[in-house]
PDB file of N, CA and C in Angstrom:
ATOM      1  N   MET A   1       0.630  -1.205  -0.035  1.00  0.00           N
ATOM      2  CA  MET A   1      -0.178  -0.076   0.136  1.00  0.00           C
ATOM      3  C   MET A   1       1.009   1.929  -0.146  1.00  0.00           C
ATOM      4  N   SER A   2       0.906   2.448  -0.334  1.00  0.00           N
ATOM      5  CA  SER A   2       1.444   3.489  -0.948  1.00  0.00           C
ATOM      6  C   SER A   2       0.834   4.248  -0.192  1.00  0.00           C
ATOM      7  N   VAL A   3       1.879   5.530   0.469  1.00  0.00           N
ATOM      8  CA  VAL A   3       1.651   6.210   1.693  1.00  0.00           C
ATOM      9  C   VAL A   3       0.201   6.978   1.095  1.00  0.00           C
ATOM     10  N   GLN A   4      -0.458   7.426   0.466  1.00  0.00           N
ATOM     11  CA  GLN A   4      -1.228   8.464  -0.723  1.00  0.00           C
ATOM     12  C   GLN A   4      -2.289   7.816  -0.327  1.00  0.00           C
ATOM     13  N   LEU A   5      -2.167   5.969  -0.792  1.00  0.00           N
ATOM     14  CA  LEU A   5      -3.288   5.033  -0.059  1.00  0.00           C
ATOM     15  C   LEU A   5      -3.764   5.583   1.361  1.00  0.00           C
ATOM     16  N   ALA A   6      -2.474   5.064   1.434  1.00  0.00           N
ATOM     17  CA  ALA A   6      -3.071   5.410   3.132  1.00  0.00           C
ATOM     18  C   ALA A   6      -3.834   6.986   4.523  1.00  0.00           C
ATOM     19  N   GLU A   7      -2.830   7.602   3.404  1.00  0.00           N
ATOM     20  CA  GLU A   7      -3.486   9.707   3.787  1.00  0.00           C
ATOM     21  C   GLU A   7      -4.867   9.776   2.711  1.00  0.00           C
ATOM     22  N   LEU A   8      -5.090   8.419   2.254  1.00  0.00           N
ATOM     23  CA  LEU A   8      -7.071   8.266   1.356  1.00  0.00           C
ATOM     24  C   LEU A   8      -7.637   7.877   2.680  1.00  0.00           C
ATOM     25  N   ARG A   9      -7.425   6.848   3.080  1.00  0.00           N
ATOM     26  CA  ARG A   9      -8.653   5.986   3.694  1.00  0.00           C
ATOM     27  C   ARG A   9      -8.111   6.518   5.548  1.00  0.00           C
ATOM     28  N   ALA A  10      -7.254   7.327   5.324  1.00  0.00           N
ATOM     29  CA  ALA A  10      -7.759   8.010   7.068  1.00  0.00           C
ATOM     30  C   ALA A  10      -8.366   8.897   7.143  1.00  0.00           C
ATOM     31  N   LEU A  11      -8.003   9.661   6.149  1.00  0.00           N
ATOM     32  CA  LEU A  11      -8.919  10.488   5.987  1.00  0.00           C
ATOM     33  C   LEU A  11     -10.539  10.109   6.436  1.00  0.00           C
ATOM     34  N   THR A  12     -10.996   9.512   4.944  1.00  0.00           N
ATOM     35  CA  THR A  12     -12.065   8.411   4.414  1.00  0.00           C
ATOM     36  C   THR A  12     -12.547   8.007   5.740  1.00  0.00           C
ATOM     37  N   ALA A  13     -11.620   7.606   7.075  1.00  0.00           N
ATOM     38  CA  ALA A  13     -12.053   6.752   8.083  1.00  0.00           C
ATOM     39  C   ALA A  13     -12.169   8.182   8.907  1.00  0.00           C
ATOM     40  N   ALA A  14     -11.416   8.923   8.852  1.00  0.00           N
ATOM     41  CA  ALA A  14     -11.876  10.073  10.238  1.00  0.00           C
ATOM     42  C   ALA A  14     -14.047  11.061   9.721  1.00  0.00           C
ATOM     43  N   CYS A  15     -14.419  10.872   8.273  1.00  0.00           N
ATOM     44  CA  CYS A  15     -14.731  10.958   8.099  1.00  0.00           C
ATOM     45  C   CYS A  15     -15.926  10.478   8.180  1.00  0.00           C
ATOM     46  N   GLN A  16     -15.816   9.606   8.217  1.00  0.00           N
ATOM     47  CA  GLN A  16     -17.041   8.214   8.768  1.00  0.00           C
ATOM     48  C   GLN A  16     -16.911   7.832  10.620  1.00  0.00           C
ATOM     49  N   ALA A  17     -16.026   7.938  10.999  1.00  0.00           N
ATOM     50  CA  ALA A  17     -15.809   8.349  12.424  1.00  0.00           C
ATOM     51  C   ALA A  17     -16.625   9.244  12.520  1.00  0.00           C
ATOM     52  N   GLY A  18     -16.751  10.247  11.990  1.00  0.00           N
ATOM     53  CA  GLY A  18     -17.192  11.757  12.532  1.00  0.00           C
ATOM     54  C   GLY A  18     -18.565  11.742  11.953  1.00  0.00           C
ATOM     55  N   THR A  19     -19.507  11.139  11.507  1.00  0.00           N
ATOM     56  CA  THR A  19     -20.348  11.185  11.278  1.00  0.00           C
ATOM     57  C   THR A  19     -21.781  12.266  12.337  1.00  0.00           C
ATOM     58  N   GLY A  20     -22.048  12.553  11.400  1.00  0.00           N
ATOM     59  CA  GLY A  20     -23.396  14.258  12.665  1.00  0.00           C
ATOM     60  C   GLY A  20     -22.416  15.175  13.219  1.00  0.00           C
ATOM     61  N   LYS A  21     -20.789  14.762  12.924  1.00  0.00           N
ATOM     62  CA  LYS A  21     -19.953  15.787  13.962  1.00  0.00           C
ATOM     63  C   LYS A  21     -19.569  16.761  13.050  1.00  0.00           C
ATOM     64  N   SER A  22     -18.851  18.216  14.213  1.00  0.00           N
ATOM     65  CA  SER A  22     -17.671  18.481  13.820  1.00  0.00           C
ATOM     66  C   SER A  22     -16.755  18.001  14.150  1.00  0.00           C
ATOM     67  N   ILE A  23     -16.096  17.538  12.493  1.00  0.00           N
ATOM     68  CA  ILE A  23     -14.275  17.232  13.044  1.00  0.00           C
ATOM     69  C   ILE A  23     -13.236  18.316  11.960  1.00  0.00           C
ATOM     70  N   LEU A  24     -11.996  18.334  12.075  1.00  0.00           N
ATOM     71  CA  LEU A  24     -10.990  18.717  11.785  1.00  0.00           C
ATOM     72  C   LEU A  24      -9.877  17.339  11.515  1.00  0.00           C
ATOM     73  N   HIS A  25      -9.610  17.677   9.711  1.00  0.00           N
ATOM     74  CA  HIS A  25      -7.979  17.258   9.301  1.00  0.00           C
ATOM     75  C   HIS A  25      -7.947  17.275   8.007  1.00  0.00           C
ATOM     76  N   MET A  26      -6.814  17.255   7.953  1.00  0.00           N
ATOM     77  CA  MET A  26      -5.752  17.439   6.851  1.00  0.00           C
ATOM     78  C   MET A  26      -5.427  16.518   5.493  1.00  0.00           C
ATOM     79  N   HIS A  27      -5.684  16.990   4.282  1.00  0.00           N
ATOM     80  CA  HIS A  27      -6.235  16.676   3.117  1.00  0.00           C
ATOM     81  C   HIS A  27      -6.657  17.195   1.857  1.00  0.00           C
ATOM     82  N   SER A  28      -5.102  17.877   1.066  1.00  0.00           N
ATOM     83  CA  SER A  28      -6.337  18.398   0.094  1.00  0.00           C
ATOM     84  C   SER A  28      -6.993  18.038  -1.287  1.00  0.00           C
ATOM     85  N   VAL A  29      -6.931  16.757  -1.270  1.00  0.00           N
ATOM     86  CA  VAL A  29      -7.933  15.896  -2.155  1.00  0.00           C
ATOM     87  C   VAL A  29      -9.053  16.180  -2.314  1.00  0.00           C
ATOM     88  N   GLY A  30     -10.082  16.718  -0.928  1.00  0.00           N
ATOM     89  CA  GLY A  30     -11.312  17.302  -0.880  1.00  0.00           C
ATOM     90  C   GLY A  30     -11.953  18.580  -1.397  1.00  0.00           C
ATOM     91  N   HIS A  31     -10.693  19.780  -0.824  1.00  0.00           N
ATOM     92  CA  HIS A  31     -10.497  20.758  -1.899  1.00  0.00           C
ATOM     93  C   HIS A  31      -9.715  20.573  -3.521  1.00  0.00           C
ATOM     94  N   LEU A  32      -9.413  20.631  -3.570  1.00  0.00           N
ATOM     95  CA  LEU A  32      -8.755  20.798  -4.462  1.00  0.00           C
ATOM     96  C   LEU A  32      -8.712  19.846  -6.237  1.00  0.00           C
ATOM     97  N   PHE A  33      -8.608  18.102  -5.348  1.00  0.00           N
ATOM     98  CA  PHE A  33      -9.185  17.730  -6.895  1.00  0.00           C
ATOM     99  C   PHE A  33     -10.069  16.551  -7.395  1.00  0.00           C
ATOM    100  N   GLY A  34     -11.267  16.373  -6.008  1.00  0.00           N
ATOM    101  CA  GLY A  34     -12.269  15.359  -6.071  1.00  0.00           C
ATOM    102  C   GLY A  34     -13.280  16.770  -7.109  1.00  0.00           C
ATOM    103  N   ALA A  35     -13.836  18.015  -6.914  1.00  0.00           N
ATOM    104  CA  ALA A  35     -14.886  17.814  -7.599  1.00  0.00           C
ATOM    105  C   ALA A  35     -14.379  18.241  -9.058  1.00  0.00           C
ATOM    106  N   MET A  36     -12.866  17.884  -9.218  1.00  0.00           N
ATOM    107  CA  MET A  36     -12.636  18.363 -10.414  1.00  0.00           C
ATOM    108  C   MET A  36     -12.490  17.160 -11.513  1.00  0.00           C
ATOM    109  N   TRP A  37     -12.100  15.279 -10.615  1.00  0.00           N
ATOM    110  CA  TRP A  37     -11.952  14.208 -10.684  1.00  0.00           C
ATOM    111  C   TRP A  37     -13.816  13.406 -10.857  1.00  0.00           C
ATOM    112  N   LYS A  38     -14.246  14.221  -9.953  1.00  0.00           N
ATOM    113  CA  LYS A  38     -15.679  14.155 -10.175  1.00  0.00           C
ATOM    114  C   LYS A  38     -16.736  13.979 -11.136  1.00  0.00           C
ATOM    115  N   MET A  39     -16.643  15.312 -11.884  1.00  0.00           N
ATOM    116  CA  MET A  39     -17.040  16.228 -13.084  1.00  0.00           C
ATOM    117  C   MET A  39     -16.562  15.008 -14.144  1.00  0.00           C
ATOM    118  N   ARG A  40     -15.134  14.728 -14.142  1.00  0.00           N
ATOM    119  CA  ARG A  40     -14.721  14.463 -15.090  1.00  0.00           C
ATOM    120  C   ARG A  40     -14.757  12.852 -14.929  1.00  0.00           C
ATOM    121  N   GLY A  41     -15.545  12.167 -14.224  1.00  0.00           N
ATOM    122  CA  GLY A  41     -15.671  10.252 -13.627  1.00  0.00           C
ATOM    123  C   GLY A  41     -14.685  10.108 -13.140  1.00  0.00           C
ATOM    124  N   PHE A  42     -13.232  10.944 -12.956  1.00  0.00           N
ATOM    125  CA  PHE A  42     -12.805  10.286 -11.722  1.00  0.00           C
ATOM    126  C   PHE A  42     -11.211   9.493 -13.018  1.00  0.00           C
ATOM    127  N   ARG A  43     -11.561  10.612 -13.957  1.00  0.00           N
ATOM    128  CA  ARG A  43     -10.374   9.943 -15.048  1.00  0.00           C
ATOM    129  C   ARG A  43      -9.495  11.681 -15.263  1.00  0.00           C
ATOM    130  N   LYS A  44      -7.760  11.091 -15.467  1.00  0.00           N
ATOM    131  CA  LYS A  44      -7.331  11.492 -15.863  1.00  0.00           C
ATOM    132  C   LYS A  44      -7.345  12.378 -17.253  1.00  0.00           C
ATOM    133  N   THR A  45      -6.661  13.938 -17.282  1.00  0.00           N
ATOM    134  CA  THR A  45      -7.129  14.882 -18.707  1.00  0.00           C
ATOM    135  C   THR A  45      -6.640  13.941 -19.942  1.00  0.00           C
ATOM    136  N   ASP A  46      -5.150  12.764 -19.924  1.00  0.00           N
ATOM    137  CA  ASP A  46      -5.854  12.065 -20.934  1.00  0.00           C
ATOM    138  C   ASP A  46      -7.056  10.366 -20.800  1.00  0.00           C
ATOM    139  N   GLY A  47      -7.661  10.872 -20.245  1.00  0.00           N
ATOM    140  CA  GLY A  47      -8.876  10.196 -20.327  1.00  0.00           C
ATOM    141  C   GLY A  47      -8.329   8.691 -19.970  1.00  0.00           C
ATOM    142  N   SER A  48      -7.073   8.728 -19.071  1.00  0.00           N
ATOM    143  CA  SER A  48      -7.129   6.831 -18.366  1.00  0.00           C
ATOM    144  C   SER A  48      -7.994   7.104 -16.528  1.00  0.00           C
ATOM    145  N   PRO A  49      -8.259   6.713 -15.730  1.00  0.00           N
ATOM    146  CA  PRO A  49      -8.103   6.001 -14.222  1.00  0.00           C
ATOM    147  C   PRO A  49      -7.176   6.959 -13.622  1.00  0.00           C
ATOM    148  N   ILE A  50      -7.418   7.546 -12.545  1.00  0.00           N
ATOM    149  CA  ILE A  50      -6.713   8.136 -11.765  1.00  0.00           C
ATOM    150  C   ILE A  50      -6.422   6.944 -10.744  1.00  0.00           C
ATOM    151  N   LEU A  51      -5.459   7.424 -10.131  1.00  0.00           N
ATOM    152  CA  LEU A  51      -5.010   6.401  -8.627  1.00  0.00           C
ATOM    153  C   LEU A  51      -5.297   6.058  -7.845  1.00  0.00           C
ATOM    154  N   HIS A  52      -5.731   5.277  -6.889  1.00  0.00           N
ATOM    155  CA  HIS A  52      -6.925   5.010  -6.714  1.00  0.00           C
ATOM    156  C   HIS A  52      -8.106   5.145  -6.315  1.00  0.00           C
ATOM    157  N   CYS A  53      -8.697   4.953  -7.527  1.00  0.00           N
ATOM    158  CA  CYS A  53      -9.808   5.571  -8.221  1.00  0.00           C
ATOM    159  C   CYS A  53     -11.210   5.477  -6.644  1.00  0.00           C
ATOM    160  N   ASP A  54     -11.554   4.461  -6.132  1.00  0.00           N
ATOM    161  CA  ASP A  54     -12.254   3.510  -5.438  1.00  0.00           C
ATOM    162  C   ASP A  54     -12.461   4.823  -4.167  1.00  0.00           C
ATOM    163  N   GLN A  55     -10.828   4.505  -3.840  1.00  0.00           N
ATOM    164  CA  GLN A  55     -10.698   5.159  -2.885  1.00  0.00           C
ATOM    165  C   GLN A  55     -11.060   6.596  -2.986  1.00  0.00           C
ATOM    166  N   VAL A  56     -10.635   7.222  -3.627  1.00  0.00           N
ATOM    167  CA  VAL A  56     -11.011   8.808  -3.675  1.00  0.00           C
ATOM    168  C   VAL A  56     -12.774   9.167  -3.342  1.00  0.00           C
ATOM    169  N   VAL A  57     -13.458   7.496  -4.217  1.00  0.00           N
ATOM    170  CA  VAL A  57     -14.246   7.739  -4.611  1.00  0.00           C
ATOM    171  C   VAL A  57     -15.342   7.897  -3.378  1.00  0.00           C
ATOM    172  N   GLU A  58     -15.287   6.849  -2.472  1.00  0.00           N
ATOM    173  CA  GLU A  58     -14.905   6.225  -0.957  1.00  0.00           C
ATOM    174  C   GLU A  58     -14.731   7.485  -0.034  1.00  0.00           C
ATOM    175  N   LEU A  59     -14.306   8.472  -0.748  1.00  0.00           N
ATOM    176  CA  LEU A  59     -13.351   9.577   0.794  1.00  0.00           C
ATOM    177  C   LEU A  59     -14.660  10.683  -0.435  1.00  0.00           C
ATOM    178  N   MET A  60     -14.989  11.075  -1.304  1.00  0.00           N
ATOM    179  CA  MET A  60     -15.381  12.070  -1.776  1.00  0.00           C
ATOM    180  C   MET A  60     -17.170  11.694  -1.161  1.00  0.00           C
ATOM    181  N   SER A  61     -17.938  10.721  -0.700  1.00  0.00           N
ATOM    182  CA  SER A  61     -18.829  10.162   0.197  1.00  0.00           C
ATOM    183  C   SER A  61     -18.576  10.372   1.017  1.00  0.00           C
ATOM    184  N   ALA A  62     -17.698  10.383   2.090  1.00  0.00           N
ATOM    185  CA  ALA A  62     -17.788  10.235   3.015  1.00  0.00           C
ATOM    186  C   ALA A  62     -17.230  11.757   3.875  1.00  0.00           C
ATOM    187  N   LEU A  63     -17.349  12.850   3.083  1.00  0.00           N
ATOM    188  CA  LEU A  63     -16.848  13.921   3.298  1.00  0.00           C
ATOM    189  C   LEU A  63     -18.612  14.338   3.905  1.00  0.00           C
ATOM    190  N   LEU A  64     -18.748  13.483   3.638  1.00  0.00           N
ATOM    191  CA  LEU A  64     -20.899  14.580   3.365  1.00  0.00           C
ATOM    192  C   LEU A  64     -21.481  13.964   4.252  1.00  0.00           C
ATOM    193  N   LEU A  65     -20.539  13.391   5.109  1.00  0.00           N
ATOM    194  CA  LEU A  65     -21.151  12.695   6.556  1.00  0.00           C
ATOM    195  C   LEU A  65     -20.978  13.196   8.064  1.00  0.00           C
ATOM    196  N   PRO A  66     -19.912  13.984   8.573  1.00  0.00           N
ATOM    197  CA  PRO A  66     -19.576  15.100   9.050  1.00  0.00           C
ATOM    198  C   PRO A  66     -20.406  15.584   9.111  1.00  0.00           C
ATOM    199  N   GLN A  67     -21.478  16.615  10.136  1.00  0.00           N
ATOM    200  CA  GLN A  67     -21.149  17.815  10.193  1.00  0.00           C
ATOM    201  C   GLN A  67     -20.706  19.343   9.442  1.00  0.00           C
ATOM    202  N   GLN A  68     -19.704  19.200   9.720  1.00  0.00           N
ATOM    203  CA  GLN A  68     -18.591  20.046   8.867  1.00  0.00           C
ATOM    204  C   GLN A  68     -16.852  19.501   8.614  1.00  0.00           C
ATOM    205  N   VAL A  69     -16.690  19.344   7.849  1.00  0.00           N
ATOM    206  CA  VAL A  69     -14.884  18.913   8.040  1.00  0.00           C
ATOM    207  C   VAL A  69     -13.958  20.089   7.491  1.00  0.00           C
ATOM    208  N   ALA A  70     -13.700  20.173   8.140  1.00  0.00           N
ATOM    209  CA  ALA A  70     -12.070  21.598   7.846  1.00  0.00           C
ATOM    210  C   ALA A  70     -11.161  20.977   7.288  1.00  0.00           C
ATOM    211  N   ILE A  71     -11.040  20.568   6.308  1.00  0.00           N
ATOM    212  CA  ILE A  71      -9.851  20.010   5.514  1.00  0.00           C
ATOM    213  C   ILE A  71      -8.714  21.046   5.091  1.00  0.00           C
ATOM    214  N   VAL A  72      -7.357  21.288   5.703  1.00  0.00           N
ATOM    215  CA  VAL A  72      -6.503  22.355   5.986  1.00  0.00           C
ATOM    216  C   VAL A  72      -5.140  21.286   5.248  1.00  0.00           C
ATOM    217  N   LYS A  73      -4.613  22.427   3.704  1.00  0.00           N
ATOM    218  CA  LYS A  73      -2.827  22.378   3.726  1.00  0.00           C
ATOM    219  C   LYS A  73      -2.199  23.208   4.660  1.00  0.00           C
ATOM    220  N   CYS A  74      -1.054  22.629   5.230  1.00  0.00           N
ATOM    221  CA  CYS A  74      -0.061  23.082   5.848  1.00  0.00           C
ATOM    222  C   CYS A  74       0.844  22.730   4.555  1.00  0.00           C
ATOM    223  N   ARG A  75       2.455  23.527   5.323  1.00  0.00           N
ATOM    224  CA  ARG A  75       3.594  23.190   4.669  1.00  0.00           C
ATOM    225  C   ARG A  75       4.083  22.226   4.501  1.00  0.00           C
ATOM    226  N   ALA A  76       4.403  20.256   3.963  1.00  0.00           N
ATOM    227  CA  ALA A  76       4.980  19.532   4.406  1.00  0.00           C
ATOM    228  C   ALA A  76       6.764  19.014   4.476  1.00  0.00           C
ATOM    229  N   HIS A  77       7.312  18.621   5.566  1.00  0.00           N
ATOM    230  CA  HIS A  77       8.766  17.935   5.698  1.00  0.00           C
ATOM    231  C   HIS A  77       9.524  19.410   5.657  1.00  0.00           C
ATOM    232  N   LYS A  78       9.090  20.145   6.640  1.00  0.00           N
ATOM    233  CA  LYS A  78       9.668  21.381   7.398  1.00  0.00           C
ATOM    234  C   LYS A  78      10.114  21.199   8.663  1.00  0.00           C
ATOM    235  N   PRO A  79      11.759  21.605   8.938  1.00  0.00           N
ATOM    236  CA  PRO A  79      12.114  21.711   9.392  1.00  0.00           C
ATOM    237  C   PRO A  79      11.480  23.021  10.878  1.00  0.00           C
ATOM    238  N   GLY A  80      11.733  22.578  11.764  1.00  0.00           N
ATOM    239  CA  GLY A  80      11.144  22.804  13.449  1.00  0.00           C
ATOM    240  C   GLY A  80      10.456  22.671  13.930  1.00  0.00           C
ATOM    241  N   ASP A  81      10.395  23.011  15.569  1.00  0.00           N
ATOM    242  CA  ASP A  81       9.521  22.213  16.600  1.00  0.00           C
ATOM    243  C   ASP A  81       8.386  22.982  17.871  1.00  0.00           C
ATOM    244  N   ASP A  82       7.373  22.980  15.934  1.00  0.00           N
ATOM    245  CA  ASP A  82       6.479  23.526  16.579  1.00  0.00           C
ATOM    246  C   ASP A  82       5.567  23.169  16.101  1.00  0.00           C
ATOM    247  N   CYS A  83       3.896  23.242  16.351  1.00  0.00           N
ATOM    248  CA  CYS A  83       3.176  22.378  16.226  1.00  0.00           C
ATOM    249  C   CYS A  83       2.257  21.402  15.369  1.00  0.00           C
ATOM    250  N   VAL A  84       2.379  22.309  14.263  1.00  0.00           N
ATOM    251  CA  VAL A  84       2.284  21.575  12.928  1.00  0.00           C
ATOM    252  C   VAL A  84       2.957  21.186  12.612  1.00  0.00           C
ATOM    253  N   THR A  85       4.490  21.128  12.659  1.00  0.00           N
ATOM    254  CA  THR A  85       5.207  20.264  12.103  1.00  0.00           C
ATOM    255  C   THR A  85       5.905  19.498  12.481  1.00  0.00           C
ATOM    256  N   LYS A  86       5.625  19.273  14.234  1.00  0.00           N
ATOM    257  CA  LYS A  86       5.133  18.090  14.673  1.00  0.00           C
ATOM    258  C   LYS A  86       3.773  16.963  14.509  1.00  0.00           C
ATOM    259  N   GLY A  87       3.079  17.721  14.910  1.00  0.00           N
ATOM    260  CA  GLY A  87       1.708  16.968  14.385  1.00  0.00           C
ATOM    261  C   GLY A  87       2.337  16.654  12.482  1.00  0.00           C
ATOM    262  N   ASN A  88       2.558  17.025  11.596  1.00  0.00           N
ATOM    263  CA  ASN A  88       3.191  16.596  10.099  1.00  0.00           C
ATOM    264  C   ASN A  88       3.675  15.292  10.367  1.00  0.00           C
ATOM    265  N   LYS A  89       4.936  15.439  11.116  1.00  0.00           N
ATOM    266  CA  LYS A  89       6.057  14.038  11.039  1.00  0.00           C
ATOM    267  C   LYS A  89       5.275  12.884  11.863  1.00  0.00           C
ATOM    268  N   ALA A  90       3.525  13.451  12.935  1.00  0.00           N
ATOM    269  CA  ALA A  90       3.421  12.044  13.290  1.00  0.00           C
ATOM    270  C   ALA A  90       2.472  11.186  12.195  1.00  0.00           C
ATOM    271  N   ALA A  91       1.813  12.392  11.491  1.00  0.00           N
ATOM    272  CA  ALA A  91       0.910  11.634  10.722  1.00  0.00           C
ATOM    273  C   ALA A  91       1.787  11.091   9.150  1.00  0.00           C
ATOM    274  N   ASP A  92       2.702  11.099   9.274  1.00  0.00           N
ATOM    275  CA  ASP A  92       3.515  10.744   8.394  1.00  0.00           C
ATOM    276  C   ASP A  92       4.330   9.847   8.316  1.00  0.00           C
ATOM    277  N   GLU A  93       4.777   9.407   9.620  1.00  0.00           N
ATOM    278  CA  GLU A  93       5.142   8.370  10.160  1.00  0.00           C
ATOM    279  C   GLU A  93       3.752   7.290  10.239  1.00  0.00           C
ATOM    280  N   ALA A  94       2.947   7.774  10.703  1.00  0.00           N
ATOM    281  CA  ALA A  94       2.046   6.635  11.257  1.00  0.00           C
ATOM    282  C   ALA A  94       0.778   6.497  10.175  1.00  0.00           C
ATOM    283  N   SER A  95       2.091   7.183   8.731  1.00  0.00           N
ATOM    284  CA  SER A  95       1.480   6.842   6.937  1.00  0.00           C
ATOM    285  C   SER A  95       1.798   5.607   6.824  1.00  0.00           C
ATOM    286  N   LYS A  96       3.052   5.931   7.475  1.00  0.00           N
ATOM    287  CA  LYS A  96       4.128   4.892   6.596  1.00  0.00           C
ATOM    288  C   LYS A  96       3.806   3.369   7.639  1.00  0.00           C
ATOM    289  N   VAL A  97       3.877   3.541   8.897  1.00  0.00           N
ATOM    290  CA  VAL A  97       2.912   2.033   9.660  1.00  0.00           C
ATOM    291  C   VAL A  97       1.705   1.435   8.732  1.00  0.00           C
ATOM    292  N   ALA A  98       1.348   3.139   8.461  1.00  0.00           N
ATOM    293  CA  ALA A  98      -0.475   1.984   7.603  1.00  0.00           C
ATOM    294  C   ALA A  98      -0.319   1.613   6.305  1.00  0.00           C
ATOM    295  N   SER A  99       0.783   2.381   5.740  1.00  0.00           N
ATOM    296  CA  SER A  99       1.538   1.515   4.814  1.00  0.00           C
ATOM    297  C   SER A  99       1.575   0.527   3.908  1.00  0.00           C
ATOM    298  N   LYS A 100       2.499   0.277   5.752  1.00  0.00           N
ATOM    299  CA  LYS A 100       2.809  -1.511   5.293  1.00  0.00           C
ATOM    300  C   LYS A 100       2.694  -2.960   5.533  1.00  0.00           C
ATOM    301  N   GLN A 101       0.374  -2.600   6.372  1.00  0.00           N
ATOM    302  CA  GLN A 101      -0.296  -3.446   6.767  1.00  0.00           C
ATOM    303  C   GLN A 101      -0.722  -4.412   5.537  1.00  0.00           C
TER     304      GLN A 101
END
């Protein structure tokens, strides 16, 4: 399993667990690419299917379950000791572990 697939699954699970609640999570698929891919039938510009199509479709459905969802983009892989950097490192490690399962 790739890290990207692990991240998609994690966000989907967070949305499903937050059904009817207000949750915060970070990822860019929901804001940047999801709607565009949905309009294109989850195909790239060359007509081929997007990678992890089934998981993206499941995520798009799961994003509608909570009352509110905040998907926040933060700069990845930056040095530092602030809470965003620490959270990013923890998320990266969790994704690596999940991708090996």
